[in-house]
N, C-alpha and C. Protein backbone atom coordinates (compact mmCIF):
# COMPACT_ATOMS: atom_id res chain seq x y z
N UNK A 1 11.49 -8.32 -10.82
CA UNK A 1 10.35 -7.84 -11.57
C UNK A 1 9.45 -7.04 -10.63
N UNK A 2 8.95 -5.91 -11.08
CA UNK A 2 8.09 -5.06 -10.27
C UNK A 2 6.79 -5.79 -9.98
N UNK A 3 6.38 -5.74 -8.72
CA UNK A 3 5.13 -6.37 -8.33
C UNK A 3 5.26 -7.83 -7.98
N UNK A 4 6.43 -8.42 -8.20
CA UNK A 4 6.63 -9.81 -7.83
C UNK A 4 6.89 -9.86 -6.34
N UNK A 5 6.24 -10.75 -5.67
CA UNK A 5 6.24 -10.78 -4.22
C UNK A 5 7.36 -11.66 -3.68
N UNK A 6 8.20 -11.08 -2.83
CA UNK A 6 9.21 -11.86 -2.14
C UNK A 6 8.55 -12.58 -0.96
N UNK A 7 7.62 -11.90 -0.33
CA UNK A 7 6.87 -12.43 0.80
C UNK A 7 5.50 -12.84 0.27
N UNK A 8 5.20 -14.12 0.29
CA UNK A 8 3.97 -14.63 -0.34
C UNK A 8 2.70 -14.24 0.40
N UNK A 9 2.80 -13.78 1.63
CA UNK A 9 1.61 -13.30 2.33
C UNK A 9 1.18 -11.99 1.73
N UNK A 10 -0.11 -11.78 1.67
CA UNK A 10 -0.62 -10.51 1.18
C UNK A 10 -0.51 -9.46 2.26
N UNK A 11 -0.81 -8.24 1.90
CA UNK A 11 -0.79 -7.16 2.88
C UNK A 11 -1.81 -7.39 4.00
N UNK A 12 -1.43 -7.01 5.21
CA UNK A 12 -2.33 -7.10 6.36
C UNK A 12 -3.46 -6.08 6.20
N UNK A 13 -4.44 -6.14 7.07
CA UNK A 13 -5.55 -5.19 7.01
C UNK A 13 -5.05 -3.75 7.14
N UNK A 14 -4.14 -3.52 8.07
CA UNK A 14 -3.61 -2.16 8.25
C UNK A 14 -2.81 -1.73 7.02
N UNK A 15 -2.02 -2.65 6.48
CA UNK A 15 -1.27 -2.34 5.26
C UNK A 15 -2.22 -2.04 4.10
N UNK A 16 -3.30 -2.81 4.01
CA UNK A 16 -4.30 -2.56 2.95
C UNK A 16 -4.89 -1.16 3.10
N UNK A 17 -5.18 -0.77 4.32
CA UNK A 17 -5.73 0.57 4.58
C UNK A 17 -4.74 1.64 4.11
N UNK A 18 -3.47 1.46 4.46
CA UNK A 18 -2.43 2.43 4.06
C UNK A 18 -2.29 2.46 2.55
N UNK A 19 -2.30 1.31 1.92
CA UNK A 19 -2.21 1.25 0.45
C UNK A 19 -3.37 2.01 -0.18
N UNK A 20 -4.56 1.78 0.32
CA UNK A 20 -5.74 2.45 -0.22
C UNK A 20 -5.61 3.96 -0.07
N UNK A 21 -5.18 4.39 1.10
CA UNK A 21 -5.04 5.83 1.35
C UNK A 21 -3.98 6.46 0.44
N UNK A 22 -2.87 5.74 0.23
CA UNK A 22 -1.85 6.23 -0.70
C UNK A 22 -2.44 6.36 -2.10
N UNK A 23 -3.19 5.34 -2.53
CA UNK A 23 -3.82 5.37 -3.86
C UNK A 23 -4.81 6.51 -4.00
N UNK A 24 -5.41 6.93 -2.89
CA UNK A 24 -6.34 8.06 -2.89
C UNK A 24 -5.61 9.40 -2.91
N UNK A 25 -4.28 9.36 -2.78
CA UNK A 25 -3.48 10.58 -2.83
C UNK A 25 -3.18 11.21 -1.48
N UNK A 26 -3.44 10.49 -0.41
CA UNK A 26 -3.20 11.03 0.93
C UNK A 26 -1.70 11.10 1.24
N UNK A 27 -1.34 12.10 1.99
CA UNK A 27 0.03 12.25 2.47
C UNK A 27 0.23 11.40 3.72
N UNK A 28 1.49 11.12 4.04
CA UNK A 28 1.79 10.31 5.22
C UNK A 28 1.17 10.88 6.48
N UNK A 29 1.20 12.21 6.63
CA UNK A 29 0.64 12.85 7.82
C UNK A 29 -0.86 12.58 7.90
N UNK A 30 -1.56 12.65 6.78
CA UNK A 30 -3.00 12.39 6.77
C UNK A 30 -3.30 10.93 7.13
N UNK A 31 -2.48 10.04 6.62
CA UNK A 31 -2.66 8.62 6.93
C UNK A 31 -2.41 8.39 8.42
N UNK A 32 -1.34 8.98 8.93
CA UNK A 32 -1.01 8.84 10.35
C UNK A 32 -2.15 9.36 11.23
N UNK A 33 -2.68 10.51 10.88
CA UNK A 33 -3.78 11.08 11.66
C UNK A 33 -5.00 10.16 11.65
N UNK A 34 -5.31 9.57 10.51
CA UNK A 34 -6.48 8.69 10.44
C UNK A 34 -6.27 7.39 11.21
N UNK A 35 -5.02 6.98 11.39
CA UNK A 35 -4.71 5.77 12.14
C UNK A 35 -4.44 6.06 13.62
N UNK A 36 -4.29 7.32 13.95
CA UNK A 36 -3.95 7.67 15.33
C UNK A 36 -2.53 7.30 15.68
N UNK A 37 -1.62 7.48 14.73
CA UNK A 37 -0.22 7.14 14.95
C UNK A 37 0.65 8.28 14.40
N UNK A 38 1.94 8.02 14.27
CA UNK A 38 2.86 9.05 13.80
C UNK A 38 3.21 8.83 12.33
N UNK A 39 3.70 9.90 11.73
CA UNK A 39 4.15 9.84 10.35
C UNK A 39 5.30 8.84 10.20
N UNK A 40 6.15 8.77 11.22
CA UNK A 40 7.28 7.83 11.20
C UNK A 40 6.78 6.38 11.09
N UNK A 41 5.74 6.04 11.81
CA UNK A 41 5.17 4.68 11.75
C UNK A 41 4.64 4.40 10.35
N UNK A 42 3.99 5.37 9.75
CA UNK A 42 3.47 5.19 8.40
C UNK A 42 4.62 4.98 7.41
N UNK A 43 5.69 5.73 7.55
CA UNK A 43 6.86 5.55 6.68
C UNK A 43 7.42 4.14 6.82
N UNK A 44 7.48 3.64 8.06
CA UNK A 44 7.96 2.28 8.27
C UNK A 44 7.05 1.26 7.61
N UNK A 45 5.75 1.45 7.74
CA UNK A 45 4.79 0.57 7.08
C UNK A 45 5.00 0.59 5.56
N UNK A 46 5.19 1.77 5.02
CA UNK A 46 5.38 1.87 3.57
C UNK A 46 6.63 1.13 3.12
N UNK A 47 7.71 1.23 3.88
CA UNK A 47 8.93 0.47 3.54
C UNK A 47 8.64 -1.03 3.53
N UNK A 48 7.91 -1.50 4.54
CA UNK A 48 7.56 -2.92 4.61
C UNK A 48 6.66 -3.33 3.44
N UNK A 49 5.71 -2.48 3.12
CA UNK A 49 4.79 -2.76 2.01
C UNK A 49 5.57 -2.82 0.69
N UNK A 50 6.44 -1.84 0.45
CA UNK A 50 7.23 -1.85 -0.77
C UNK A 50 8.05 -3.13 -0.88
N UNK A 51 8.69 -3.52 0.22
CA UNK A 51 9.49 -4.76 0.21
C UNK A 51 8.62 -5.98 -0.04
N UNK A 52 7.48 -6.03 0.62
CA UNK A 52 6.58 -7.18 0.51
C UNK A 52 6.07 -7.34 -0.92
N UNK A 53 5.78 -6.22 -1.58
CA UNK A 53 5.18 -6.26 -2.91
C UNK A 53 6.20 -6.11 -4.04
N UNK A 54 7.45 -5.85 -3.68
CA UNK A 54 8.48 -5.69 -4.69
C UNK A 54 8.34 -4.38 -5.47
N UNK A 55 7.93 -3.33 -4.78
CA UNK A 55 7.72 -2.03 -5.40
C UNK A 55 8.75 -1.04 -4.88
N UNK A 56 8.82 0.13 -5.56
CA UNK A 56 9.83 1.12 -5.21
C UNK A 56 9.28 2.41 -4.62
N UNK A 57 8.04 2.76 -4.95
CA UNK A 57 7.56 4.08 -4.53
C UNK A 57 6.03 4.14 -4.51
N UNK A 58 5.52 5.31 -4.13
CA UNK A 58 4.07 5.53 -3.99
C UNK A 58 3.33 5.39 -5.31
N UNK A 59 3.95 5.83 -6.39
CA UNK A 59 3.30 5.74 -7.69
C UNK A 59 3.09 4.28 -8.07
N UNK A 60 4.13 3.47 -7.92
CA UNK A 60 4.00 2.04 -8.21
C UNK A 60 2.97 1.40 -7.30
N UNK A 61 2.95 1.81 -6.04
CA UNK A 61 1.99 1.27 -5.08
C UNK A 61 0.56 1.62 -5.48
N UNK A 62 0.33 2.85 -5.88
CA UNK A 62 -1.01 3.27 -6.31
C UNK A 62 -1.43 2.50 -7.57
N UNK A 63 -0.52 2.31 -8.50
CA UNK A 63 -0.83 1.55 -9.71
C UNK A 63 -1.12 0.09 -9.38
N UNK A 64 -0.34 -0.48 -8.45
CA UNK A 64 -0.56 -1.86 -8.01
C UNK A 64 -1.96 -1.99 -7.42
N UNK A 65 -2.34 -1.04 -6.57
CA UNK A 65 -3.65 -1.05 -5.92
C UNK A 65 -4.77 -0.98 -6.97
N UNK A 66 -4.65 -0.04 -7.89
CA UNK A 66 -5.69 0.13 -8.91
C UNK A 66 -5.82 -1.12 -9.78
N UNK A 67 -4.72 -1.74 -10.14
CA UNK A 67 -4.78 -2.97 -10.95
C UNK A 67 -5.51 -4.07 -10.19
N UNK A 68 -5.23 -4.23 -8.90
CA UNK A 68 -5.89 -5.26 -8.09
C UNK A 68 -7.37 -4.94 -7.91
N UNK A 69 -7.68 -3.68 -7.74
CA UNK A 69 -9.06 -3.26 -7.55
C UNK A 69 -9.89 -3.56 -8.81
N UNK A 70 -9.31 -3.30 -9.97
CA UNK A 70 -10.01 -3.57 -11.22
C UNK A 70 -10.13 -5.07 -11.48
N UNK A 71 -9.12 -5.83 -11.07
CA UNK A 71 -9.20 -7.30 -11.21
C UNK A 71 -10.38 -7.83 -10.41
N UNK A 72 -10.56 -7.32 -9.21
CA UNK A 72 -11.66 -7.79 -8.34
C UNK A 72 -13.00 -7.45 -8.96
N UNK A 73 -13.12 -6.29 -9.58
CA UNK A 73 -14.38 -5.89 -10.20
C UNK A 73 -14.70 -6.81 -11.37
N UNK A 74 -13.71 -7.12 -12.19
CA UNK A 74 -13.96 -7.93 -13.39
C UNK A 74 -14.11 -9.41 -13.10
N UNK A 75 -13.58 -9.88 -11.97
CA UNK A 75 -13.68 -11.29 -11.61
C UNK A 75 -14.84 -11.58 -10.67
N UNK A 76 -15.58 -10.56 -10.30
CA UNK A 76 -16.70 -10.75 -9.36
C UNK A 76 -17.94 -11.24 -10.07
């Protein structure tokens, strides 16, 4: 099932930053530049994030982020 977590730990702080940037529409190069790393490292992070969250691509990741963001607003 999409969004079902194989790894019960949530995303790390760095992973959360990358997720947020993807949801904002940033390209891997832009994310890498903001982290002071390479595009290759960002791609590796994205693979780990997709596996951790049970997602397949950037669109699913952005939708996952927006759903969680709205949950936090309504439960606050």
